[in-house]
Amino acid sequence: MALAAGGFSPLLQVRQALAADLVSQQLRTTGLSTTVQDRILQMFKEESGVGSVSGTPMTYPDAQTKILSGSGDFDCWEIIGERLKAVIATNNVTPIAVSDIPNWSAIRDTFTQPDPKWPREAQIVGQIWTDESETQLYMVPAVYNYDSIGYNPEVLSPEEADTWTAIFDKKWKGRSGLNVDPLIAFGQAIMALNTLGELEAKNPGNPTAEEIDTAADFLISKKKEGQFRALWGDFGELVNLMASGEMVVCDAWQPAVMAVKAQGKPARYAVPKEGYRGWAIGPCLLANSSNKDAVIAYANFWLSGPPAITVTEQGYYSPSTKIKETMDPDKYAFWYEGQPWKGAAERGIKEGDLRDGGSLKERAGQVAYWHQWPDEYDHLIQRWDEFLNA
């Protein structure tokens, strides 16, 4: 396999940092298909020399249930930041020392320096570290993004789509979609209710019991009215529903919108006036794993060039600035700097196209909240079950 530009070798840095013989280790990982991708796992196996590598895509609620039950099926959970609180509380995660991650030297400030507009605990930097000394990580970030609304521009105008209320607008009854993760759905409903003047929630990511009740009643009423074409949870399902025209507006992952465009179908990613949802996913070392060094090597590999390029070209961001050293400069300019696409068409992107939402800096400056583990989690899940059964 070719090394990344500039001769950088993830294998070399991993082997320098780890004394263990990785050939005798295995990596059994689970998480969303966002990161659990066969091609990335194969790249890692070839670069690291780990003896056996396997990945099982699984939704967060399903993975959480399995892991918290004490299952020993996995060494690594590619977890989303806000769910760390659940595995920490049950002693199901072993911290990883920053000193064991050579590629950490290129990490973005987002993961080390709190943004003053939020409390530390309400953003990603307050979720991934064991304490404020920032020497040990519960999760090594691998990919992050700012989520929004996917829509069909032949049906909705940008003015109609650029608000979280669009998902719940009666105009799109039966043609709207909602994610099946309650920690996503509730925050979006609360932002919409703020805009509609029915709530004044200060932190949609950590709502009070009263705010949860208002949002749950709202979601249940919308479901009973037939607002949602689907409650989607899978990337492929989302792409198919958007590409077929069955869903014209939904909460969406930007890579899914890119995949719809790559099929030649109309799709855009909104710039919501309320702001984006911020999140980060990365490997965490499960406490019952006997393959610690393999998980650490995998976490380090994620912060190198090859996997960073793969997920960037799908529409995500890499937490590591190494991407700028390894990616084609014109592509980096498009994905990270808000510059027009140059060269041949690729993945539905044509000469002169701009990334929806602009540069990383622009999008990072328009975040409504970071995903969090709600203080009223049990109450939220109780009300979500009511919604599912309505």
Protein backbone atom coordinates (compact mmCIF):
# COMPACT_ATOMS: atom_id res chain seq x y z
CA MET A 1 0.00 0.00 0.00
CA ALA A 2 1.32 3.46 -0.90
CA LEU A 3 2.31 5.72 1.96
CA ALA A 4 0.65 9.08 2.42
CA ALA A 5 2.20 12.12 0.76
CA GLY A 6 5.46 13.27 2.24
CA GLY A 7 6.48 9.74 3.25
CA PHE A 8 4.35 9.70 6.39
CA SER A 9 3.76 6.17 7.65
CA PRO A 10 1.15 5.47 10.33
CA LEU A 11 2.80 2.09 10.80
CA LEU A 12 6.16 3.64 11.64
CA GLN A 13 4.72 5.93 14.31
CA VAL A 14 2.57 3.19 15.79
CA ARG A 15 5.51 0.78 16.02
CA GLN A 16 7.69 3.48 17.59
CA ALA A 17 5.08 4.08 20.28
CA LEU A 18 4.09 0.50 21.03
CA ALA A 19 6.39 -2.25 22.18
CA ALA A 20 3.78 -5.00 21.84
CA ASP A 21 3.76 -7.38 18.91
CA LEU A 22 0.57 -6.31 17.15
CA VAL A 23 0.52 -9.47 15.04
CA SER A 24 -0.67 -11.39 18.09
CA GLN A 25 -3.49 -8.90 18.72
CA GLN A 26 -6.93 -8.51 17.19
CA LEU A 27 -9.25 -5.55 16.74
CA ARG A 28 -12.99 -6.13 17.04
CA THR A 29 -14.75 -2.82 16.66
CA THR A 30 -18.33 -1.61 16.41
CA GLY A 31 -20.03 1.69 15.66
CA LEU A 32 -21.96 3.45 12.93
CA SER A 33 -21.07 2.82 9.29
CA THR A 34 -19.83 6.43 9.41
CA THR A 35 -16.49 5.09 10.65
CA VAL A 36 -16.80 1.27 10.64
CA GLN A 37 -15.87 0.93 6.97
CA ASP A 38 -14.25 -2.15 5.46
CA ARG A 39 -11.77 -0.17 3.37
CA ILE A 40 -10.52 1.78 6.40
CA LEU A 41 -10.23 -1.40 8.46
CA GLN A 42 -8.29 -3.06 5.66
CA MET A 43 -5.97 -0.03 5.42
CA PHE A 44 -5.39 -0.24 9.15
CA LYS A 45 -4.65 -3.97 9.04
CA GLU A 46 -2.10 -3.53 6.27
CA GLU A 47 -0.42 -0.54 7.90
CA SER A 48 -0.37 -1.77 11.50
CA GLY A 49 0.23 -5.50 11.20
CA VAL A 50 -2.56 -6.31 13.67
CA GLY A 51 -3.29 -10.00 13.24
CA SER A 52 -7.07 -9.89 12.90
CA VAL A 53 -9.37 -6.94 12.20
CA SER A 54 -13.18 -6.98 12.07
CA GLY A 55 -15.91 -4.36 12.26
CA THR A 56 -19.63 -4.62 13.02
CA PRO A 57 -21.81 -1.61 12.09
CA MET A 58 -24.46 -1.01 14.76
CA THR A 59 -26.70 1.89 15.81
CA TYR A 60 -25.73 3.67 19.01
CA PRO A 61 -28.73 2.55 21.07
CA ASP A 62 -28.14 -1.10 20.02
CA ALA A 63 -24.40 -0.94 20.67
CA GLN A 64 -24.94 0.75 24.02
CA THR A 65 -27.35 -1.96 25.15
CA LYS A 66 -24.93 -4.72 24.13
CA ILE A 67 -21.80 -3.15 25.63
CA LEU A 68 -23.40 -2.12 28.91
CA SER A 69 -24.71 -5.67 29.31
CA GLY A 70 -21.09 -6.77 29.74
CA SER A 71 -20.66 -8.36 26.32
CA GLY A 72 -17.08 -9.27 25.49
CA ASP A 73 -17.64 -9.28 21.71
CA PHE A 74 -15.75 -6.04 21.08
CA ASP A 75 -12.46 -4.35 21.94
CA CYS A 76 -13.44 -0.95 20.67
CA TRP A 77 -16.60 1.11 20.41
CA GLU A 78 -16.44 3.95 17.89
CA ILE A 79 -18.65 6.00 20.09
CA ILE A 80 -20.23 9.42 19.69
CA GLY A 81 -18.96 11.80 22.37
CA GLU A 82 -22.14 12.31 24.35
CA ARG A 83 -22.64 8.58 24.98
CA LEU A 84 -19.29 8.34 26.76
CA LYS A 85 -21.01 9.28 30.00
CA ALA A 86 -22.91 5.99 29.96
CA VAL A 87 -19.83 3.78 29.55
CA ILE A 88 -17.82 5.83 32.04
CA ALA A 89 -20.53 5.53 34.69
CA THR A 90 -20.55 1.74 34.32
CA ASN A 91 -16.73 1.36 34.21
CA ASN A 92 -16.88 -0.03 30.69
CA VAL A 93 -14.11 2.13 29.23
CA THR A 94 -10.34 2.30 29.85
CA PRO A 95 -8.71 5.71 29.25
CA ILE A 96 -5.98 6.08 26.62
CA ALA A 97 -2.92 8.20 27.45
CA VAL A 98 -2.20 11.02 25.01
CA SER A 99 1.46 9.99 25.18
CA ASP A 100 0.45 6.72 23.45
CA ILE A 101 -1.03 8.62 20.46
CA PRO A 102 1.86 10.12 18.43
CA ASN A 103 -0.51 11.73 15.92
CA TRP A 104 -2.20 13.71 18.69
CA SER A 105 0.36 16.46 18.10
CA ALA A 106 -1.69 17.60 15.10
CA ILE A 107 -5.12 17.67 16.79
CA ARG A 108 -7.38 20.66 16.17
CA ASP A 109 -8.04 23.20 18.94
CA THR A 110 -11.72 22.17 19.04
CA PHE A 111 -10.66 19.11 21.05
CA THR A 112 -8.31 20.83 23.50
CA GLN A 113 -9.57 24.38 24.00
CA PRO A 114 -13.10 25.08 25.29
CA ASP A 115 -15.23 27.58 23.38
CA PRO A 116 -16.16 30.36 25.83
CA LYS A 117 -19.76 30.51 24.60
CA TRP A 118 -20.58 27.15 26.28
CA PRO A 119 -19.68 25.54 29.61
CA ARG A 120 -16.84 23.04 29.19
CA GLU A 121 -19.12 20.07 29.87
CA ALA A 122 -21.52 21.18 27.12
CA GLN A 123 -19.00 20.73 24.31
CA ILE A 124 -16.77 18.00 22.95
CA VAL A 125 -13.68 19.08 24.88
CA GLY A 126 -15.61 18.46 28.10
CA GLN A 127 -16.61 14.93 27.07
CA ILE A 128 -13.50 13.17 25.81
CA TRP A 129 -10.98 13.88 28.62
CA THR A 130 -10.73 12.19 32.02
CA ASP A 131 -10.04 15.63 33.59
CA GLU A 132 -8.93 19.14 32.72
CA SER A 133 -5.24 18.22 32.78
CA GLU A 134 -5.90 16.66 29.35
CA THR A 135 -3.46 13.77 29.67
CA GLN A 136 -5.88 10.86 29.22
CA LEU A 137 -8.72 10.37 26.78
CA TYR A 138 -11.91 8.36 27.14
CA MET A 139 -12.32 8.68 23.36
CA VAL A 140 -9.82 9.58 20.65
CA PRO A 141 -11.79 11.62 18.09
CA ALA A 142 -11.66 10.20 14.56
CA VAL A 143 -14.28 12.18 12.65
CA TYR A 144 -16.60 15.09 13.37
CA ASN A 145 -19.17 17.26 11.66
CA TYR A 146 -21.92 19.81 12.01
CA ASP A 147 -25.27 18.32 11.06
CA SER A 148 -28.17 20.02 9.40
CA ILE A 149 -31.19 19.45 7.15
CA GLY A 150 -31.05 17.62 3.84
CA TYR A 151 -33.62 18.70 1.28
CA ASN A 152 -34.71 18.49 -2.34
CA PRO A 153 -34.04 21.93 -3.91
CA GLU A 154 -36.61 21.24 -6.63
CA VAL A 155 -39.29 21.10 -3.91
CA LEU A 156 -38.05 23.43 -1.14
CA SER A 157 -36.35 26.79 -1.50
CA PRO A 158 -33.32 27.56 0.71
CA GLU A 159 -35.51 29.98 2.68
CA GLU A 160 -37.96 27.14 3.43
CA ALA A 161 -35.22 24.63 4.29
CA ASP A 162 -32.83 26.78 6.34
CA THR A 163 -34.60 26.18 9.67
CA TRP A 164 -35.19 23.14 11.86
CA THR A 165 -38.91 23.86 11.66
CA ALA A 166 -38.85 22.57 8.05
CA ILE A 167 -38.84 18.95 9.24
CA PHE A 168 -42.10 19.56 11.08
CA ASP A 169 -43.82 21.85 8.55
CA LYS A 170 -47.28 20.54 7.59
CA LYS A 171 -46.47 21.49 4.01
CA TRP A 172 -44.20 18.43 3.85
CA LYS A 173 -46.54 16.04 5.64
CA GLY A 174 -45.72 12.44 4.78
CA ARG A 175 -42.51 13.51 3.01
CA SER A 176 -40.38 14.40 6.04
CA GLY A 177 -37.85 12.24 7.87
CA LEU A 178 -36.53 12.01 11.43
CA ASN A 179 -33.54 10.16 12.88
CA VAL A 180 -34.32 7.26 15.23
CA ASP A 181 -31.72 8.32 17.81
CA PRO A 182 -33.66 10.14 20.57
CA LEU A 183 -30.62 12.22 21.55
CA ILE A 184 -30.74 13.66 18.03
CA ALA A 185 -34.50 13.94 17.56
CA PHE A 186 -35.25 15.76 20.81
CA GLY A 187 -32.63 18.46 20.27
CA GLN A 188 -33.97 19.19 16.81
CA ALA A 189 -37.57 19.35 18.02
CA ILE A 190 -36.52 21.75 20.79
CA MET A 191 -34.71 24.05 18.33
CA ALA A 192 -37.83 24.08 16.15
CA LEU A 193 -40.04 24.84 19.17
CA ASN A 194 -37.75 27.71 20.14
CA THR A 195 -38.17 29.17 16.66
CA LEU A 196 -41.94 28.63 16.78
CA GLY A 197 -42.07 30.53 20.07
CA GLU A 198 -43.30 27.55 22.08
CA LEU A 199 -40.10 27.12 24.10
CA GLU A 200 -37.17 29.23 25.29
CA ALA A 201 -34.71 26.39 25.88
CA LYS A 202 -31.16 27.61 26.46
CA ASN A 203 -29.47 24.27 25.75
CA PRO A 204 -31.31 21.96 23.30
CA GLY A 205 -28.68 19.28 23.94
CA ASN A 206 -29.49 19.06 27.65
CA PRO A 207 -33.18 19.88 28.05
CA THR A 208 -35.05 20.09 31.33
CA ALA A 209 -37.83 17.62 32.13
CA GLU A 210 -40.40 20.26 31.21
CA GLU A 211 -38.72 20.94 27.88
CA ILE A 212 -38.58 17.20 27.19
CA ASP A 213 -42.31 16.92 27.87
CA THR A 214 -43.12 19.80 25.52
CA ALA A 215 -40.93 18.33 22.79
CA ALA A 216 -42.34 14.82 23.30
CA ASP A 217 -45.92 16.05 23.03
CA PHE A 218 -44.96 17.93 19.87
CA LEU A 219 -43.26 14.88 18.31
CA ILE A 220 -46.16 12.57 19.21
CA SER A 221 -48.68 14.97 17.67
CA LYS A 222 -46.61 15.22 14.48
CA LYS A 223 -46.31 11.44 14.24
CA LYS A 224 -50.05 10.97 14.69
CA GLU A 225 -50.68 13.56 11.98
CA GLY A 226 -48.57 11.50 9.56
CA GLN A 227 -45.76 14.06 9.30
CA PHE A 228 -42.93 11.54 8.91
CA ARG A 229 -42.38 9.34 5.90
CA ALA A 230 -39.79 7.43 7.90
CA LEU A 231 -37.84 7.28 11.13
CA TRP A 232 -34.49 6.50 9.59
CA GLY A 233 -31.38 5.09 11.25
CA ASP A 234 -29.22 3.72 8.47
CA PHE A 235 -27.11 5.67 5.98
CA GLY A 236 -28.25 3.61 3.00
CA GLU A 237 -31.89 3.93 4.05
CA LEU A 238 -31.53 7.71 4.23
CA VAL A 239 -29.90 7.92 0.80
CA ASN A 240 -32.57 5.73 -0.81
CA LEU A 241 -35.45 7.70 0.70
CA MET A 242 -33.97 11.01 -0.44
CA ALA A 243 -32.92 9.80 -3.90
CA SER A 244 -36.34 8.27 -4.59
CA GLY A 245 -38.07 11.53 -3.69
CA GLU A 246 -40.07 9.86 -0.91
CA MET A 247 -38.45 12.23 1.61
CA VAL A 248 -37.98 15.83 0.50
CA VAL A 249 -36.76 17.21 3.84
CA CYS A 250 -35.15 15.51 6.85
CA ASP A 251 -32.43 15.72 9.43
CA ALA A 252 -29.50 14.33 7.50
CA TRP A 253 -25.82 13.57 7.43
CA GLN A 254 -23.97 15.64 4.83
CA PRO A 255 -22.33 12.55 3.27
CA ALA A 256 -25.82 11.17 2.57
CA VAL A 257 -26.69 14.37 0.72
CA MET A 258 -23.44 14.01 -1.24
CA ALA A 259 -24.35 10.40 -2.07
CA VAL A 260 -27.75 11.48 -3.40
CA LYS A 261 -26.09 14.15 -5.56
CA ALA A 262 -23.64 11.53 -6.84
CA GLN A 263 -26.66 9.63 -8.24
CA GLY A 264 -27.59 12.72 -10.23
CA LYS A 265 -30.56 13.47 -7.97
CA PRO A 266 -31.31 16.93 -6.51
CA ALA A 267 -30.10 17.40 -2.93
CA ARG A 268 -28.81 20.26 -0.82
CA TYR A 269 -27.63 20.71 2.76
CA ALA A 270 -29.26 23.58 4.63
CA VAL A 271 -27.66 26.34 6.69
CA PRO A 272 -30.16 26.46 9.59
CA LYS A 273 -30.70 29.86 11.14
CA GLU A 274 -30.83 28.22 14.58
CA GLY A 275 -27.42 26.62 14.03
CA TYR A 276 -25.91 23.18 13.45
CA ARG A 277 -25.65 20.16 15.76
CA GLY A 278 -22.00 19.47 16.59
CA TRP A 279 -20.71 15.95 17.23
CA ALA A 280 -17.56 13.83 17.17
CA ILE A 281 -17.02 10.08 16.92
CA GLY A 282 -13.93 8.09 17.80
CA PRO A 283 -12.52 4.86 19.23
CA CYS A 284 -12.85 4.16 22.93
CA LEU A 285 -11.06 1.22 24.54
CA LEU A 286 -13.55 -1.13 26.19
CA ALA A 287 -12.49 -2.16 29.67
CA ASN A 288 -12.80 -5.92 29.13
CA SER A 289 -10.59 -5.93 26.00
CA SER A 290 -7.35 -7.89 26.03
CA ASN A 291 -6.27 -6.12 22.82
CA LYS A 292 -5.39 -2.72 24.25
CA ASP A 293 -2.44 -2.06 21.95
CA ALA A 294 -4.48 -2.83 18.84
CA VAL A 295 -7.16 -0.30 19.88
CA ILE A 296 -4.52 2.35 20.62
CA ALA A 297 -2.89 1.71 17.24
CA TYR A 298 -6.30 2.03 15.58
CA ALA A 299 -7.01 5.32 17.36
CA ASN A 300 -3.63 6.68 16.28
CA PHE A 301 -4.21 5.52 12.70
CA TRP A 302 -7.45 7.51 12.52
CA LEU A 303 -5.46 10.70 13.04
CA SER A 304 -3.20 9.97 10.05
CA GLY A 305 -3.67 10.90 6.41
CA PRO A 306 -5.33 7.89 4.71
CA PRO A 307 -8.51 7.53 6.82
CA ALA A 308 -8.79 11.31 7.12
CA ILE A 309 -8.90 11.64 3.34
CA THR A 310 -11.50 8.87 3.03
CA VAL A 311 -13.98 10.45 5.44
CA THR A 312 -13.30 13.99 4.22
CA GLU A 313 -14.27 13.01 0.68
CA GLN A 314 -17.54 11.69 2.07
CA GLY A 315 -18.36 15.05 3.68
CA TYR A 316 -16.99 14.75 7.23
CA TYR A 317 -14.04 16.50 8.88
CA SER A 318 -10.86 15.05 10.30
CA PRO A 319 -9.88 16.17 13.84
CA SER A 320 -6.24 16.17 12.66
CA THR A 321 -4.55 18.95 10.71
CA LYS A 322 -2.43 16.25 9.03
CA ILE A 323 -5.16 16.15 6.40
CA LYS A 324 -3.79 19.38 4.92
CA GLU A 325 -0.37 17.76 4.48
CA THR A 326 -1.71 14.65 2.77
CA MET A 327 -4.76 15.68 0.73
CA ASP A 328 -4.68 17.13 -2.78
CA PRO A 329 -4.54 20.94 -2.23
CA ASP A 330 -7.51 21.69 -4.51
CA LYS A 331 -9.65 19.10 -2.74
CA TYR A 332 -8.60 20.39 0.66
CA ALA A 333 -9.55 23.91 -0.46
CA PHE A 334 -13.04 22.69 -1.41
CA TRP A 335 -13.76 20.55 1.66
CA TYR A 336 -12.16 22.71 4.37
CA GLU A 337 -11.72 26.26 3.04
CA GLY A 338 -14.96 26.91 1.16
CA GLN A 339 -13.26 27.27 -2.22
CA PRO A 340 -14.85 26.31 -5.58
CA TRP A 341 -14.28 22.79 -6.88
CA LYS A 342 -11.55 22.57 -9.49
CA GLY A 343 -11.08 19.88 -12.11
CA ALA A 344 -13.12 16.92 -13.25
CA ALA A 345 -16.53 16.15 -11.78
CA GLU A 346 -16.45 13.71 -8.86
CA ARG A 347 -19.15 12.30 -6.56
CA GLY A 348 -21.73 14.65 -8.05
CA ILE A 349 -19.48 17.72 -7.56
CA LYS A 350 -18.85 19.79 -10.69
CA GLU A 351 -16.37 22.53 -11.63
CA GLY A 352 -17.13 25.69 -9.64
CA ASP A 353 -19.39 24.00 -7.05
CA LEU A 354 -19.12 25.08 -3.42
CA ARG A 355 -19.54 22.92 -0.34
CA ASP A 356 -22.94 23.64 1.22
CA GLY A 357 -22.39 25.74 4.33
CA GLY A 358 -18.98 27.05 3.31
CA SER A 359 -15.66 26.52 5.05
CA LEU A 360 -14.96 24.59 8.24
CA LYS A 361 -14.42 27.90 10.03
CA GLU A 362 -17.80 29.24 8.87
CA ARG A 363 -19.67 26.10 9.87
CA ALA A 364 -17.90 25.80 13.23
CA GLY A 365 -18.96 29.37 13.99
CA GLN A 366 -22.65 28.54 13.52
CA VAL A 367 -23.12 25.66 15.96
CA ALA A 368 -26.28 25.72 18.07
CA TYR A 369 -25.06 23.05 20.47
CA TRP A 370 -22.85 19.99 20.82
CA HIS A 371 -24.49 16.63 21.40
CA GLN A 372 -24.62 15.88 25.13
CA TRP A 373 -25.80 13.23 27.52
CA PRO A 374 -28.93 14.79 29.07
CA ASP A 375 -29.21 15.11 32.83
CA GLU A 376 -32.82 13.92 32.40
CA TYR A 377 -31.83 10.96 30.20
CA ASP A 378 -34.19 8.43 31.82
CA HIS A 379 -37.15 10.76 31.45
CA LEU A 380 -36.20 11.51 27.84
CA ILE A 381 -36.08 7.79 26.99
CA GLN A 382 -39.42 7.19 28.69
CA ARG A 383 -41.03 9.91 26.58
CA TRP A 384 -39.25 8.64 23.43
CA ASP A 385 -40.76 5.20 23.98
CA GLU A 386 -44.16 6.88 24.12
CA PHE A 387 -43.38 8.55 20.80
CA LEU A 388 -42.33 5.26 19.19
CA ASN A 389 -45.51 3.55 20.43
CA ALA A 390 -47.84 6.40 19.44
